[in-house]
């Protein structure tokens, strides 16, 4: 049985995706601050991580709770007609600092080929633990960034609470290299 963390929220960047889905907000200024390049089921994927300065948010971010740091790296396909389509996300929780920090739990990989209302692919129920390697990590103010690689198996889910379709799984592997924005946790 896989261990689940009480710290693990619904994907951090999912909230930003939902904001970007609102027609008026979809037109706000977005700046590419990095990328995920991958192969999904043998097909190439290239997506940009985005900073949204006017909202004080980004699709690649981190937040710390004591010695635990949660990092979400979400990329959007700049070639797709909708910012909501072909979205790829990697989420990790770390104990410690820098590239030598240790993973606290299994990373997760999400892929929404047709948007949030359509079936999506998720690593958590695939039976294969994702492998994430961090080559570089800085959480310094103004210079926060992460660079690394990943591989996983992702399986199709009809909805967030549906069982994974184990007959509809895809291998995924790639690299990520992006700036990170610190999530403001002052409530």
N, C-alpha and C. Protein backbone atom coordinates (compact mmCIF):
# COMPACT_ATOMS: atom_id res chain seq x y z
N UNK A 1 0.84 -1.18 0.00
CA UNK A 1 0.00 0.00 0.00
C UNK A 1 0.88 1.24 0.00
N UNK A 2 0.55 2.22 -0.81
CA UNK A 2 1.34 3.45 -0.92
C UNK A 2 1.05 4.36 0.26
N UNK A 3 2.08 5.03 0.74
CA UNK A 3 1.95 5.97 1.84
C UNK A 3 1.42 7.30 1.31
N UNK A 4 0.46 7.88 1.99
CA UNK A 4 -0.10 9.17 1.62
C UNK A 4 0.24 10.19 2.69
N UNK A 5 0.53 11.39 2.31
CA UNK A 5 0.88 12.43 3.26
C UNK A 5 -0.32 13.30 3.58
N UNK A 6 -0.42 13.70 4.83
CA UNK A 6 -1.50 14.62 5.20
C UNK A 6 -1.21 16.02 4.69
N UNK A 7 0.04 16.30 4.30
CA UNK A 7 0.41 17.62 3.80
C UNK A 7 0.06 17.80 2.33
N UNK A 8 -0.24 16.73 1.63
CA UNK A 8 -0.40 16.80 0.19
C UNK A 8 -1.77 17.35 -0.19
N UNK A 9 -1.83 18.57 -0.74
CA UNK A 9 -3.10 19.14 -1.16
C UNK A 9 -3.43 18.68 -2.58
N UNK A 10 -4.64 19.03 -3.00
CA UNK A 10 -4.94 18.87 -4.42
C UNK A 10 -3.87 19.69 -5.12
N UNK A 11 -3.42 19.30 -6.29
CA UNK A 11 -2.26 19.95 -6.91
C UNK A 11 -2.28 21.47 -6.76
N UNK A 12 -1.18 22.00 -6.23
CA UNK A 12 -1.07 23.43 -5.97
C UNK A 12 -1.34 24.29 -7.18
N UNK A 13 -0.82 23.91 -8.30
CA UNK A 13 -0.96 24.72 -9.49
C UNK A 13 -2.33 24.57 -10.14
N UNK A 14 -3.11 23.57 -9.69
CA UNK A 14 -4.44 23.40 -10.27
C UNK A 14 -5.27 24.65 -10.06
N UNK A 15 -5.13 25.29 -8.90
CA UNK A 15 -5.86 26.52 -8.63
C UNK A 15 -5.54 27.60 -9.64
N UNK A 16 -4.25 27.71 -10.00
CA UNK A 16 -3.86 28.70 -11.00
C UNK A 16 -4.46 28.34 -12.35
N UNK A 17 -4.47 27.06 -12.69
CA UNK A 17 -5.07 26.65 -13.96
C UNK A 17 -6.53 27.04 -13.99
N UNK A 18 -7.23 26.84 -12.88
CA UNK A 18 -8.64 27.21 -12.84
C UNK A 18 -8.81 28.71 -13.02
N UNK A 19 -7.91 29.51 -12.43
CA UNK A 19 -7.97 30.97 -12.63
C UNK A 19 -7.75 31.32 -14.09
N UNK A 20 -6.78 30.65 -14.71
CA UNK A 20 -6.48 30.94 -16.10
C UNK A 20 -7.61 30.51 -17.02
N UNK A 21 -8.48 29.62 -16.53
CA UNK A 21 -9.59 29.14 -17.34
C UNK A 21 -10.71 30.17 -17.45
N UNK A 22 -10.81 31.06 -16.49
CA UNK A 22 -11.84 32.09 -16.53
C UNK A 22 -11.53 33.00 -17.72
N UNK A 23 -12.45 33.19 -18.64
CA UNK A 23 -12.15 33.93 -19.87
C UNK A 23 -11.43 35.25 -19.67
N UNK A 24 -11.86 36.08 -18.74
CA UNK A 24 -11.20 37.37 -18.53
C UNK A 24 -9.78 37.21 -18.04
N UNK A 25 -9.56 36.24 -17.17
CA UNK A 25 -8.22 36.05 -16.62
C UNK A 25 -7.28 35.37 -17.61
N UNK A 26 -7.84 34.64 -18.57
CA UNK A 26 -7.00 33.95 -19.55
C UNK A 26 -6.21 34.94 -20.40
N UNK A 27 -6.66 36.20 -20.44
CA UNK A 27 -6.00 37.21 -21.26
C UNK A 27 -4.94 38.00 -20.50
N UNK A 28 -4.75 37.72 -19.20
CA UNK A 28 -3.76 38.47 -18.44
C UNK A 28 -2.35 38.11 -18.89
N UNK A 29 -1.42 39.00 -18.60
CA UNK A 29 -0.04 38.81 -19.04
C UNK A 29 0.60 37.62 -18.33
N UNK A 30 1.20 36.75 -19.13
CA UNK A 30 1.89 35.58 -18.63
C UNK A 30 3.28 35.57 -19.25
N UNK A 31 4.28 35.23 -18.45
CA UNK A 31 5.66 35.19 -18.93
C UNK A 31 6.21 33.79 -18.75
N UNK A 32 6.84 33.23 -19.77
CA UNK A 32 7.48 31.92 -19.65
C UNK A 32 8.72 32.06 -18.77
N UNK A 33 8.82 31.17 -17.76
CA UNK A 33 9.97 31.20 -16.85
C UNK A 33 10.71 29.86 -16.83
N UNK A 34 10.31 28.95 -17.70
CA UNK A 34 10.97 27.65 -17.75
C UNK A 34 10.20 26.69 -18.62
N UNK A 35 10.56 25.40 -18.53
CA UNK A 35 9.93 24.42 -19.42
C UNK A 35 9.98 23.02 -18.84
N UNK A 36 9.04 22.20 -19.32
CA UNK A 36 9.10 20.76 -19.18
C UNK A 36 9.14 20.21 -20.60
N UNK A 37 10.12 19.38 -20.89
CA UNK A 37 10.21 18.68 -22.17
C UNK A 37 10.13 17.20 -21.86
N UNK A 38 9.23 16.50 -22.55
CA UNK A 38 8.99 15.11 -22.20
C UNK A 38 8.57 14.30 -23.42
N UNK A 39 8.48 13.01 -23.20
CA UNK A 39 7.88 12.08 -24.15
C UNK A 39 6.76 11.38 -23.40
N UNK A 40 5.55 11.46 -23.93
CA UNK A 40 4.37 10.86 -23.31
C UNK A 40 3.85 9.79 -24.25
N UNK A 41 3.98 8.55 -23.86
CA UNK A 41 3.53 7.45 -24.72
C UNK A 41 4.19 7.48 -26.08
N UNK A 42 5.44 7.89 -26.14
CA UNK A 42 6.19 7.95 -27.39
C UNK A 42 6.04 9.24 -28.16
N UNK A 43 5.17 10.14 -27.71
CA UNK A 43 4.93 11.41 -28.40
C UNK A 43 5.65 12.55 -27.67
N UNK A 44 6.26 13.48 -28.42
CA UNK A 44 6.98 14.59 -27.77
C UNK A 44 6.02 15.58 -27.12
N UNK A 45 6.47 16.15 -26.02
CA UNK A 45 5.73 17.19 -25.31
C UNK A 45 6.70 18.32 -24.98
N UNK A 46 6.27 19.56 -25.19
CA UNK A 46 7.06 20.73 -24.80
C UNK A 46 6.09 21.75 -24.22
N UNK A 47 6.29 22.09 -22.95
CA UNK A 47 5.41 23.05 -22.30
C UNK A 47 6.20 24.08 -21.52
N UNK A 48 5.61 25.26 -21.38
CA UNK A 48 6.24 26.36 -20.65
C UNK A 48 5.64 26.48 -19.26
N UNK A 49 6.49 26.78 -18.28
CA UNK A 49 6.00 27.20 -16.97
C UNK A 49 5.80 28.70 -17.04
N UNK A 50 4.78 29.19 -16.37
CA UNK A 50 4.36 30.58 -16.54
C UNK A 50 4.36 31.36 -15.23
N UNK A 51 4.80 32.60 -15.30
CA UNK A 51 4.69 33.53 -14.19
C UNK A 51 3.58 34.52 -14.56
N UNK A 52 2.74 34.84 -13.59
CA UNK A 52 1.64 35.79 -13.80
C UNK A 52 1.85 36.93 -12.80
N UNK A 53 2.69 37.90 -13.17
CA UNK A 53 3.07 38.96 -12.22
C UNK A 53 1.90 39.73 -11.63
N UNK A 54 0.89 40.03 -12.44
CA UNK A 54 -0.23 40.84 -11.93
C UNK A 54 -1.03 40.11 -10.86
N UNK A 55 -0.95 38.78 -10.85
CA UNK A 55 -1.67 37.98 -9.86
C UNK A 55 -0.76 37.52 -8.73
N UNK A 56 0.55 37.73 -8.88
CA UNK A 56 1.50 37.27 -7.87
C UNK A 56 1.57 35.76 -7.78
N UNK A 57 1.34 35.08 -8.92
CA UNK A 57 1.33 33.62 -8.94
C UNK A 57 2.18 33.10 -10.09
N UNK A 58 2.41 31.80 -10.07
CA UNK A 58 3.15 31.14 -11.14
C UNK A 58 2.70 29.69 -11.21
N UNK A 59 2.96 29.05 -12.34
CA UNK A 59 2.63 27.63 -12.46
C UNK A 59 3.79 26.75 -12.01
N UNK A 60 4.87 27.35 -11.58
CA UNK A 60 5.99 26.63 -10.95
C UNK A 60 6.26 27.35 -9.64
N UNK A 61 5.94 26.68 -8.53
CA UNK A 61 6.07 27.36 -7.25
C UNK A 61 6.48 26.41 -6.14
N UNK A 62 6.75 27.00 -4.97
CA UNK A 62 7.09 26.20 -3.80
C UNK A 62 6.54 26.86 -2.56
N UNK A 63 6.33 26.03 -1.54
CA UNK A 63 5.97 26.55 -0.23
C UNK A 63 6.60 25.65 0.82
N UNK A 64 7.05 26.26 1.90
CA UNK A 64 7.72 25.53 2.96
C UNK A 64 6.89 25.56 4.23
N UNK A 65 6.90 24.43 4.91
CA UNK A 65 6.28 24.27 6.22
C UNK A 65 7.35 23.67 7.11
N UNK A 66 8.07 24.51 7.84
CA UNK A 66 9.20 24.01 8.64
C UNK A 66 10.24 23.42 7.71
N UNK A 67 10.66 22.17 7.96
CA UNK A 67 11.69 21.55 7.12
C UNK A 67 11.15 20.92 5.83
N UNK A 68 9.83 20.98 5.63
CA UNK A 68 9.20 20.36 4.47
C UNK A 68 8.95 21.42 3.40
N UNK A 69 9.34 21.11 2.17
CA UNK A 69 9.10 22.01 1.04
C UNK A 69 8.30 21.26 -0.02
N UNK A 70 7.19 21.83 -0.44
CA UNK A 70 6.38 21.26 -1.51
C UNK A 70 6.62 22.08 -2.77
N UNK A 71 6.92 21.39 -3.87
CA UNK A 71 7.22 22.04 -5.14
C UNK A 71 6.26 21.52 -6.20
N UNK A 72 5.68 22.44 -6.96
CA UNK A 72 4.80 22.10 -8.07
C UNK A 72 5.35 22.76 -9.33
N UNK A 73 5.58 21.95 -10.36
CA UNK A 73 6.06 22.45 -11.65
C UNK A 73 5.01 22.07 -12.68
N UNK A 74 4.30 23.06 -13.20
CA UNK A 74 3.23 22.82 -14.16
C UNK A 74 3.52 23.56 -15.46
N UNK A 75 3.45 22.83 -16.56
CA UNK A 75 3.75 23.42 -17.87
C UNK A 75 2.50 23.42 -18.75
N UNK A 76 2.43 24.44 -19.60
CA UNK A 76 1.32 24.62 -20.54
C UNK A 76 1.90 24.62 -21.95
N UNK A 77 1.23 23.93 -22.86
CA UNK A 77 1.67 23.83 -24.25
C UNK A 77 1.42 25.16 -24.96
N UNK A 78 2.47 25.90 -25.33
CA UNK A 78 2.26 27.20 -25.98
C UNK A 78 1.68 27.07 -27.39
N UNK A 79 1.73 25.89 -27.98
CA UNK A 79 1.21 25.69 -29.33
C UNK A 79 -0.28 25.34 -29.34
N UNK A 80 -0.83 24.99 -28.18
CA UNK A 80 -2.24 24.60 -28.12
C UNK A 80 -3.12 25.84 -28.15
N UNK A 81 -4.31 25.72 -28.73
CA UNK A 81 -5.22 26.86 -28.82
C UNK A 81 -5.79 27.27 -27.46
N UNK A 82 -5.77 26.37 -26.49
CA UNK A 82 -6.28 26.68 -25.15
C UNK A 82 -5.19 26.46 -24.11
N UNK A 83 -5.03 27.41 -23.22
CA UNK A 83 -4.04 27.27 -22.14
C UNK A 83 -4.41 26.11 -21.22
N UNK A 84 -5.66 25.68 -21.26
CA UNK A 84 -6.14 24.59 -20.41
C UNK A 84 -5.87 23.21 -20.98
N UNK A 85 -5.47 23.12 -22.24
CA UNK A 85 -5.23 21.83 -22.86
C UNK A 85 -3.74 21.50 -22.82
N UNK A 86 -3.44 20.20 -22.74
CA UNK A 86 -2.08 19.70 -22.79
C UNK A 86 -1.22 20.29 -21.66
N UNK A 87 -1.74 20.19 -20.44
CA UNK A 87 -1.07 20.68 -19.24
C UNK A 87 -0.40 19.50 -18.53
N UNK A 88 0.86 19.66 -18.17
CA UNK A 88 1.63 18.61 -17.50
C UNK A 88 2.14 19.16 -16.17
N UNK A 89 1.99 18.38 -15.10
CA UNK A 89 2.38 18.85 -13.76
C UNK A 89 3.15 17.77 -13.02
N UNK A 90 4.20 18.20 -12.33
CA UNK A 90 5.01 17.33 -11.47
C UNK A 90 4.98 17.94 -10.08
N UNK A 91 4.69 17.12 -9.07
CA UNK A 91 4.65 17.62 -7.70
C UNK A 91 5.51 16.75 -6.80
N UNK A 92 6.32 17.43 -5.98
CA UNK A 92 7.21 16.72 -5.07
C UNK A 92 7.18 17.38 -3.69
N UNK A 93 7.46 16.60 -2.67
CA UNK A 93 7.63 17.10 -1.31
C UNK A 93 9.02 16.70 -0.84
N UNK A 94 9.77 17.66 -0.32
CA UNK A 94 11.16 17.43 0.08
C UNK A 94 11.37 17.70 1.56
N UNK A 95 12.34 17.00 2.13
CA UNK A 95 12.82 17.27 3.47
C UNK A 95 14.26 17.71 3.32
N UNK A 96 14.56 18.92 3.79
CA UNK A 96 15.92 19.44 3.68
C UNK A 96 15.98 20.53 2.64
N UNK A 97 17.22 20.94 2.32
CA UNK A 97 17.41 22.04 1.38
C UNK A 97 18.36 21.66 0.26
N UNK A 98 18.23 22.35 -0.87
CA UNK A 98 19.13 22.16 -2.00
C UNK A 98 18.90 20.86 -2.73
N UNK A 99 19.78 20.60 -3.71
CA UNK A 99 19.63 19.43 -4.57
C UNK A 99 19.80 18.12 -3.81
N UNK A 100 20.40 18.15 -2.62
CA UNK A 100 20.58 16.93 -1.83
C UNK A 100 19.38 16.64 -0.91
N UNK A 101 18.35 17.48 -0.94
CA UNK A 101 17.16 17.24 -0.13
C UNK A 101 16.55 15.89 -0.52
N UNK A 102 15.92 15.23 0.43
CA UNK A 102 15.35 13.92 0.16
C UNK A 102 13.84 14.02 -0.08
N UNK A 103 13.36 13.18 -0.99
CA UNK A 103 11.93 13.12 -1.26
C UNK A 103 11.23 12.53 -0.04
N UNK A 104 10.17 13.16 0.41
CA UNK A 104 9.43 12.68 1.57
C UNK A 104 8.42 11.60 1.21
N UNK A 105 7.90 11.65 0.05
CA UNK A 105 6.87 10.72 -0.39
C UNK A 105 6.98 10.58 -1.89
N UNK A 106 6.15 9.72 -2.44
CA UNK A 106 6.20 9.52 -3.89
C UNK A 106 5.78 10.79 -4.62
N UNK A 107 6.56 11.20 -5.61
CA UNK A 107 6.16 12.34 -6.45
C UNK A 107 4.90 11.98 -7.22
N UNK A 108 4.22 12.98 -7.74
CA UNK A 108 3.06 12.72 -8.60
C UNK A 108 3.23 13.45 -9.92
N UNK A 109 2.71 12.83 -10.97
CA UNK A 109 2.74 13.40 -12.31
C UNK A 109 1.30 13.38 -12.82
N UNK A 110 0.85 14.53 -13.33
CA UNK A 110 -0.49 14.70 -13.88
C UNK A 110 -0.36 15.18 -15.33
N UNK A 111 -1.29 14.74 -16.19
CA UNK A 111 -1.34 15.25 -17.56
C UNK A 111 -2.80 15.39 -17.96
N UNK A 112 -3.17 16.60 -18.36
CA UNK A 112 -4.52 16.90 -18.81
C UNK A 112 -4.47 17.21 -20.31
N UNK A 113 -4.58 16.21 -21.18
CA UNK A 113 -4.45 16.47 -22.62
C UNK A 113 -5.57 17.34 -23.19
N UNK A 114 -6.79 17.22 -22.65
CA UNK A 114 -7.93 17.96 -23.20
C UNK A 114 -8.55 18.93 -22.21
N UNK A 115 -7.88 19.24 -21.13
CA UNK A 115 -8.39 20.21 -20.17
C UNK A 115 -8.91 19.56 -18.90
N UNK A 116 -9.28 20.41 -17.95
CA UNK A 116 -9.67 19.96 -16.62
C UNK A 116 -11.01 19.22 -16.58
N UNK A 117 -11.89 19.44 -17.54
CA UNK A 117 -13.20 18.79 -17.50
C UNK A 117 -13.19 17.44 -18.22
N UNK A 118 -12.11 17.11 -18.85
CA UNK A 118 -12.00 15.86 -19.60
C UNK A 118 -11.24 14.81 -18.79
N UNK A 119 -11.23 13.57 -19.22
CA UNK A 119 -10.39 12.58 -18.55
C UNK A 119 -8.93 13.05 -18.56
N UNK A 120 -8.18 12.62 -17.56
CA UNK A 120 -6.79 13.01 -17.44
C UNK A 120 -5.96 11.79 -17.08
N UNK A 121 -4.66 11.95 -17.00
CA UNK A 121 -3.74 10.87 -16.67
C UNK A 121 -3.00 11.24 -15.39
N UNK A 122 -2.81 10.23 -14.52
CA UNK A 122 -2.26 10.47 -13.19
C UNK A 122 -1.35 9.30 -12.81
N UNK A 123 -0.26 9.60 -12.15
CA UNK A 123 0.71 8.56 -11.80
C UNK A 123 0.35 7.80 -10.53
N UNK A 124 -0.40 8.41 -9.64
CA UNK A 124 -0.55 7.86 -8.29
C UNK A 124 -1.14 6.45 -8.25
N UNK A 125 -2.06 6.11 -9.10
CA UNK A 125 -2.69 4.79 -9.07
C UNK A 125 -2.13 3.85 -10.13
N UNK A 126 -0.98 4.17 -10.70
CA UNK A 126 -0.44 3.39 -11.82
C UNK A 126 0.28 2.12 -11.38
N UNK A 127 0.63 2.02 -10.11
CA UNK A 127 1.38 0.86 -9.64
C UNK A 127 2.88 1.01 -9.82
N UNK A 128 3.32 2.12 -10.41
CA UNK A 128 4.75 2.39 -10.62
C UNK A 128 5.08 3.71 -9.92
N UNK A 129 6.07 3.68 -9.04
CA UNK A 129 6.47 4.89 -8.32
C UNK A 129 7.25 5.80 -9.27
N UNK A 130 6.83 7.05 -9.44
CA UNK A 130 7.58 7.97 -10.30
C UNK A 130 9.00 8.18 -9.77
N UNK A 131 9.91 8.39 -10.69
CA UNK A 131 11.31 8.65 -10.35
C UNK A 131 11.61 10.10 -10.71
N UNK A 132 11.97 10.91 -9.72
CA UNK A 132 12.34 12.30 -9.95
C UNK A 132 13.75 12.51 -9.44
N UNK A 133 14.59 13.06 -10.28
CA UNK A 133 15.97 13.39 -9.91
C UNK A 133 16.12 14.90 -9.98
N UNK A 134 16.62 15.49 -8.90
CA UNK A 134 16.85 16.93 -8.86
C UNK A 134 18.34 17.18 -9.05
N UNK A 135 18.68 17.89 -10.13
CA UNK A 135 20.08 18.22 -10.41
C UNK A 135 20.48 19.53 -9.75
N UNK A 136 19.57 20.49 -9.75
CA UNK A 136 19.83 21.80 -9.15
C UNK A 136 18.56 22.27 -8.46
N UNK A 137 18.73 22.87 -7.27
CA UNK A 137 17.60 23.43 -6.55
C UNK A 137 18.07 24.61 -5.72
N UNK A 138 17.41 25.74 -5.91
CA UNK A 138 17.65 26.93 -5.11
C UNK A 138 16.30 27.48 -4.67
N UNK A 139 16.19 27.79 -3.39
CA UNK A 139 14.97 28.40 -2.87
C UNK A 139 15.24 29.81 -2.38
N UNK A 140 16.34 30.40 -2.84
CA UNK A 140 16.71 31.76 -2.45
C UNK A 140 15.73 32.77 -3.03
N UNK A 141 15.42 33.79 -2.24
CA UNK A 141 14.55 34.86 -2.72
C UNK A 141 15.12 35.47 -3.99
N UNK A 142 14.31 35.58 -5.02
CA UNK A 142 14.73 36.19 -6.27
C UNK A 142 15.52 35.27 -7.19
N UNK A 143 15.94 34.10 -6.69
CA UNK A 143 16.73 33.18 -7.52
C UNK A 143 16.24 31.74 -7.38
N UNK A 144 15.02 31.54 -6.90
CA UNK A 144 14.49 30.19 -6.71
C UNK A 144 14.32 29.51 -8.06
N UNK A 145 14.83 28.27 -8.16
CA UNK A 145 14.77 27.54 -9.42
C UNK A 145 14.98 26.05 -9.15
N UNK A 146 14.54 25.23 -10.09
CA UNK A 146 14.74 23.79 -10.01
C UNK A 146 15.04 23.25 -11.40
N UNK A 147 15.91 22.26 -11.44
CA UNK A 147 16.27 21.60 -12.70
C UNK A 147 16.43 20.12 -12.40
N UNK A 148 15.86 19.26 -13.27
CA UNK A 148 15.99 17.83 -13.04
C UNK A 148 15.32 17.02 -14.12
N UNK A 149 15.09 15.75 -13.80
CA UNK A 149 14.47 14.83 -14.76
C UNK A 149 13.47 13.94 -14.02
N UNK A 150 12.61 13.30 -14.78
CA UNK A 150 11.58 12.45 -14.19
C UNK A 150 11.18 11.35 -15.15
N UNK A 151 10.63 10.29 -14.60
CA UNK A 151 9.99 9.24 -15.39
C UNK A 151 8.88 8.65 -14.54
N UNK A 152 7.83 8.20 -15.20
CA UNK A 152 6.67 7.66 -14.49
C UNK A 152 5.80 6.89 -15.48
N UNK A 153 4.78 6.29 -14.93
CA UNK A 153 3.71 5.73 -15.74
C UNK A 153 2.44 6.45 -15.29
N UNK A 154 1.67 6.94 -16.25
CA UNK A 154 0.43 7.64 -15.93
C UNK A 154 -0.74 6.88 -16.54
N UNK A 155 -1.82 6.79 -15.77
CA UNK A 155 -2.99 6.05 -16.22
C UNK A 155 -4.21 6.96 -16.26
N UNK A 156 -5.07 6.69 -17.20
CA UNK A 156 -6.26 7.52 -17.45
C UNK A 156 -7.27 7.40 -16.30
N UNK A 157 -7.84 8.56 -15.94
CA UNK A 157 -8.92 8.62 -14.96
C UNK A 157 -10.04 9.47 -15.56
N UNK A 158 -11.26 9.01 -15.43
CA UNK A 158 -12.41 9.75 -15.96
C UNK A 158 -12.70 11.00 -15.14
N UNK A 159 -12.39 10.95 -13.84
CA UNK A 159 -12.61 12.08 -12.95
C UNK A 159 -11.66 11.95 -11.76
N UNK A 160 -11.60 12.97 -10.92
CA UNK A 160 -10.68 12.98 -9.79
C UNK A 160 -10.88 11.78 -8.87
N UNK A 161 -12.12 11.35 -8.67
CA UNK A 161 -12.40 10.29 -7.72
C UNK A 161 -12.64 8.93 -8.37
N UNK A 162 -12.49 8.84 -9.69
CA UNK A 162 -12.68 7.58 -10.40
C UNK A 162 -11.44 6.70 -10.24
N UNK A 163 -11.63 5.41 -10.42
CA UNK A 163 -10.52 4.47 -10.43
C UNK A 163 -9.70 4.69 -11.71
N UNK A 164 -8.41 4.45 -11.61
CA UNK A 164 -7.55 4.54 -12.79
C UNK A 164 -7.86 3.38 -13.73
N UNK A 165 -7.85 3.65 -15.03
CA UNK A 165 -8.02 2.62 -16.05
C UNK A 165 -6.65 2.03 -16.34
N UNK A 166 -6.37 0.88 -15.76
CA UNK A 166 -5.05 0.25 -15.88
C UNK A 166 -4.78 -0.26 -17.30
N UNK A 167 -5.80 -0.27 -18.15
CA UNK A 167 -5.61 -0.66 -19.55
C UNK A 167 -5.27 0.54 -20.42
N UNK A 168 -5.27 1.72 -19.83
CA UNK A 168 -5.00 2.96 -20.57
C UNK A 168 -3.90 3.74 -19.85
N UNK A 169 -2.69 3.18 -19.87
CA UNK A 169 -1.54 3.81 -19.22
C UNK A 169 -0.48 4.17 -20.25
N UNK A 170 0.32 5.19 -19.94
CA UNK A 170 1.37 5.66 -20.84
C UNK A 170 2.65 5.89 -20.05
N UNK A 171 3.78 5.49 -20.63
CA UNK A 171 5.05 5.87 -19.99
C UNK A 171 5.32 7.34 -20.29
N UNK A 172 5.95 8.01 -19.34
CA UNK A 172 6.32 9.41 -19.52
C UNK A 172 7.70 9.62 -18.93
N UNK A 173 8.53 10.38 -19.65
CA UNK A 173 9.84 10.74 -19.11
C UNK A 173 10.25 12.07 -19.71
N UNK A 174 11.06 12.81 -18.95
CA UNK A 174 11.47 14.10 -19.46
C UNK A 174 12.33 14.87 -18.49
N UNK A 175 12.47 16.16 -18.79
CA UNK A 175 13.27 17.06 -17.98
C UNK A 175 12.46 18.31 -17.65
N UNK A 176 12.86 18.97 -16.58
CA UNK A 176 12.26 20.25 -16.21
C UNK A 176 13.37 21.20 -15.80
N UNK A 177 13.18 22.47 -16.12
CA UNK A 177 14.15 23.51 -15.81
C UNK A 177 13.37 24.81 -15.73
N UNK A 178 13.19 25.33 -14.52
CA UNK A 178 12.32 26.49 -14.36
C UNK A 178 12.65 27.32 -13.13
N UNK A 179 12.32 28.58 -13.22
CA UNK A 179 12.31 29.43 -12.03
C UNK A 179 11.12 29.01 -11.18
N UNK A 180 11.19 29.27 -9.88
CA UNK A 180 10.11 28.98 -8.95
C UNK A 180 9.68 30.25 -8.24
N UNK A 181 8.41 30.37 -7.98
CA UNK A 181 7.89 31.50 -7.21
C UNK A 181 7.48 30.96 -5.84
N UNK A 182 7.85 31.67 -4.79
CA UNK A 182 7.45 31.28 -3.44
C UNK A 182 5.98 31.63 -3.24
N UNK A 183 5.21 30.65 -2.76
CA UNK A 183 3.80 30.86 -2.48
C UNK A 183 3.69 31.67 -1.20
N UNK A 184 2.90 32.72 -1.25
CA UNK A 184 2.68 33.54 -0.07
C UNK A 184 1.73 32.79 0.86
N UNK A 185 2.23 32.41 2.03
CA UNK A 185 1.40 31.68 2.99
C UNK A 185 0.94 32.55 4.14
N UNK A 186 1.06 33.87 3.99
CA UNK A 186 0.57 34.80 5.01
C UNK A 186 -0.93 34.99 4.81
N UNK A 187 -1.70 34.43 5.70
CA UNK A 187 -3.16 34.51 5.54
C UNK A 187 -3.73 35.54 6.46
